[in-house]
Structure formats: C-alpha cells, structure tokens
Amino acid sequence: MLSPTEKRYLLAVLLTLDEGSTRLKKVSDFLRVKMPSAKQILEELASKKLINYVRRAPFPSQKRVQNLPRKNWSASTT
C-alpha cells in the first residue's frame, strides 16, 4: 500500500515524463521540494518496483579524462 506522499510523487513522475523518462530536478521543482527529499521518495518507489530510478553517472569520469590524448595548445612565435 502506498502512502499519500508516495502517491503524490508517483503522480508527479507521470506528469513530468518526457519521452519516457524524467529528471529528479523536474520532479522536485514540480512538487516544490528540495532534491534530497525527492530522491529519498523516488528511491523508495524504485525499491517497490513502481519506477525505474537510475542514478546519472558523472561524465566524463576521472579515469576517462586521464586517458584522453593531450594536444599541444602552445602558441608558436614567429
């Protein structure tokens, strides 16, 4: 059984969908709550298998940045 708060968040997710997905920021702005509060409830809904909550991976990762080829940006003097 869902609490009234969970129902409210589930409805907010449905109303903020854009091409099958939404963002934590959009849901928190829609409900006028802070992002940590929204994240907590969305994770609870995901644990109940009502939504598919996926954390966004940081891009680019530190490891990927270190492996990028370096370019010579020094200006030549003529």
Protein backbone atom coordinates (compact mmCIF):
# COMPACT_ATOMS: atom_id res chain seq x y z
CA MET A 1 0.00 0.00 0.00
CA LEU A 2 1.25 3.45 -0.88
CA SER A 3 1.31 6.42 1.45
CA PRO A 4 -0.29 9.68 0.30
CA THR A 5 3.20 11.15 -0.19
CA GLU A 6 4.29 8.24 -2.38
CA LYS A 7 1.13 8.60 -4.44
CA ARG A 8 1.85 12.31 -4.88
CA TYR A 9 5.41 11.61 -6.05
CA LEU A 10 4.28 8.85 -8.40
CA LEU A 11 1.78 11.25 -9.96
CA ALA A 12 4.49 13.91 -10.28
CA VAL A 13 6.73 11.43 -12.08
CA LEU A 14 3.93 10.60 -14.51
CA LEU A 15 3.15 14.27 -15.13
CA THR A 16 6.79 15.25 -15.76
CA LEU A 17 7.60 12.40 -18.15
CA ASP A 18 9.30 13.48 -21.35
CA GLU A 19 9.81 10.71 -23.93
CA GLY A 20 9.52 8.02 -21.28
CA SER A 21 11.82 9.50 -18.64
CA THR A 22 12.09 12.41 -16.26
CA ARG A 23 14.72 14.03 -14.09
CA LEU A 24 15.00 14.32 -10.33
CA LYS A 25 15.25 18.11 -10.71
CA LYS A 26 12.00 18.26 -12.71
CA VAL A 27 10.12 16.22 -10.10
CA SER A 28 11.48 18.25 -7.18
CA ASP A 29 10.68 21.54 -8.94
CA PHE A 30 7.19 20.32 -9.84
CA LEU A 31 6.45 19.41 -6.21
CA ARG A 32 8.36 22.42 -4.83
CA VAL A 33 10.52 20.26 -2.58
CA LYS A 34 14.27 20.00 -2.14
CA MET A 35 16.11 17.45 -4.26
CA PRO A 36 17.30 15.23 -1.35
CA SER A 37 13.68 14.77 -0.22
CA ALA A 38 12.56 13.90 -3.72
CA LYS A 39 15.47 11.50 -4.16
CA GLN A 40 14.59 9.64 -0.97
CA ILE A 41 10.97 9.07 -2.01
CA LEU A 42 11.92 8.15 -5.59
CA GLU A 43 14.35 5.56 -4.25
CA GLU A 44 11.54 4.14 -2.08
CA LEU A 45 9.27 3.93 -5.13
CA ALA A 46 12.06 2.20 -7.04
CA SER A 47 12.54 -0.32 -4.23
CA LYS A 48 8.82 -1.15 -4.55
CA LYS A 49 9.37 -1.65 -8.32
CA LEU A 50 6.94 1.16 -9.19
CA ILE A 51 9.51 3.21 -11.11
CA ASN A 52 12.93 2.60 -12.60
CA TYR A 53 15.23 5.05 -10.81
CA VAL A 54 18.71 5.25 -12.33
CA ARG A 55 21.44 7.45 -10.93
CA ARG A 56 23.19 9.52 -13.54
CA ALA A 57 26.84 8.60 -13.85
CA PRO A 58 29.27 11.51 -13.77
CA PHE A 59 30.59 12.43 -17.19
CA PRO A 60 33.38 12.43 -18.01
CA SER A 61 34.77 10.22 -15.28
CA GLN A 62 38.19 11.00 -13.87
CA LYS A 63 39.64 7.85 -15.41
CA ARG A 64 38.35 8.78 -18.87
CA VAL A 65 39.76 12.30 -18.60
CA GLN A 66 43.22 10.94 -17.80
CA ASN A 67 43.13 8.68 -20.88
CA LEU A 68 42.26 11.45 -23.35
CA PRO A 69 45.03 12.34 -25.81
CA ARG A 70 46.75 15.59 -25.00
CA LYS A 71 47.03 18.31 -27.62
CA ASN A 72 49.74 20.89 -27.88
CA TRP A 73 48.00 24.19 -27.28
CA SER A 74 51.14 26.32 -27.01
CA ALA A 75 51.25 29.24 -29.40
CA SER A 76 54.14 29.33 -31.76
CA THR A 77 56.12 32.58 -32.02
CA THR A 78 57.30 33.59 -35.46
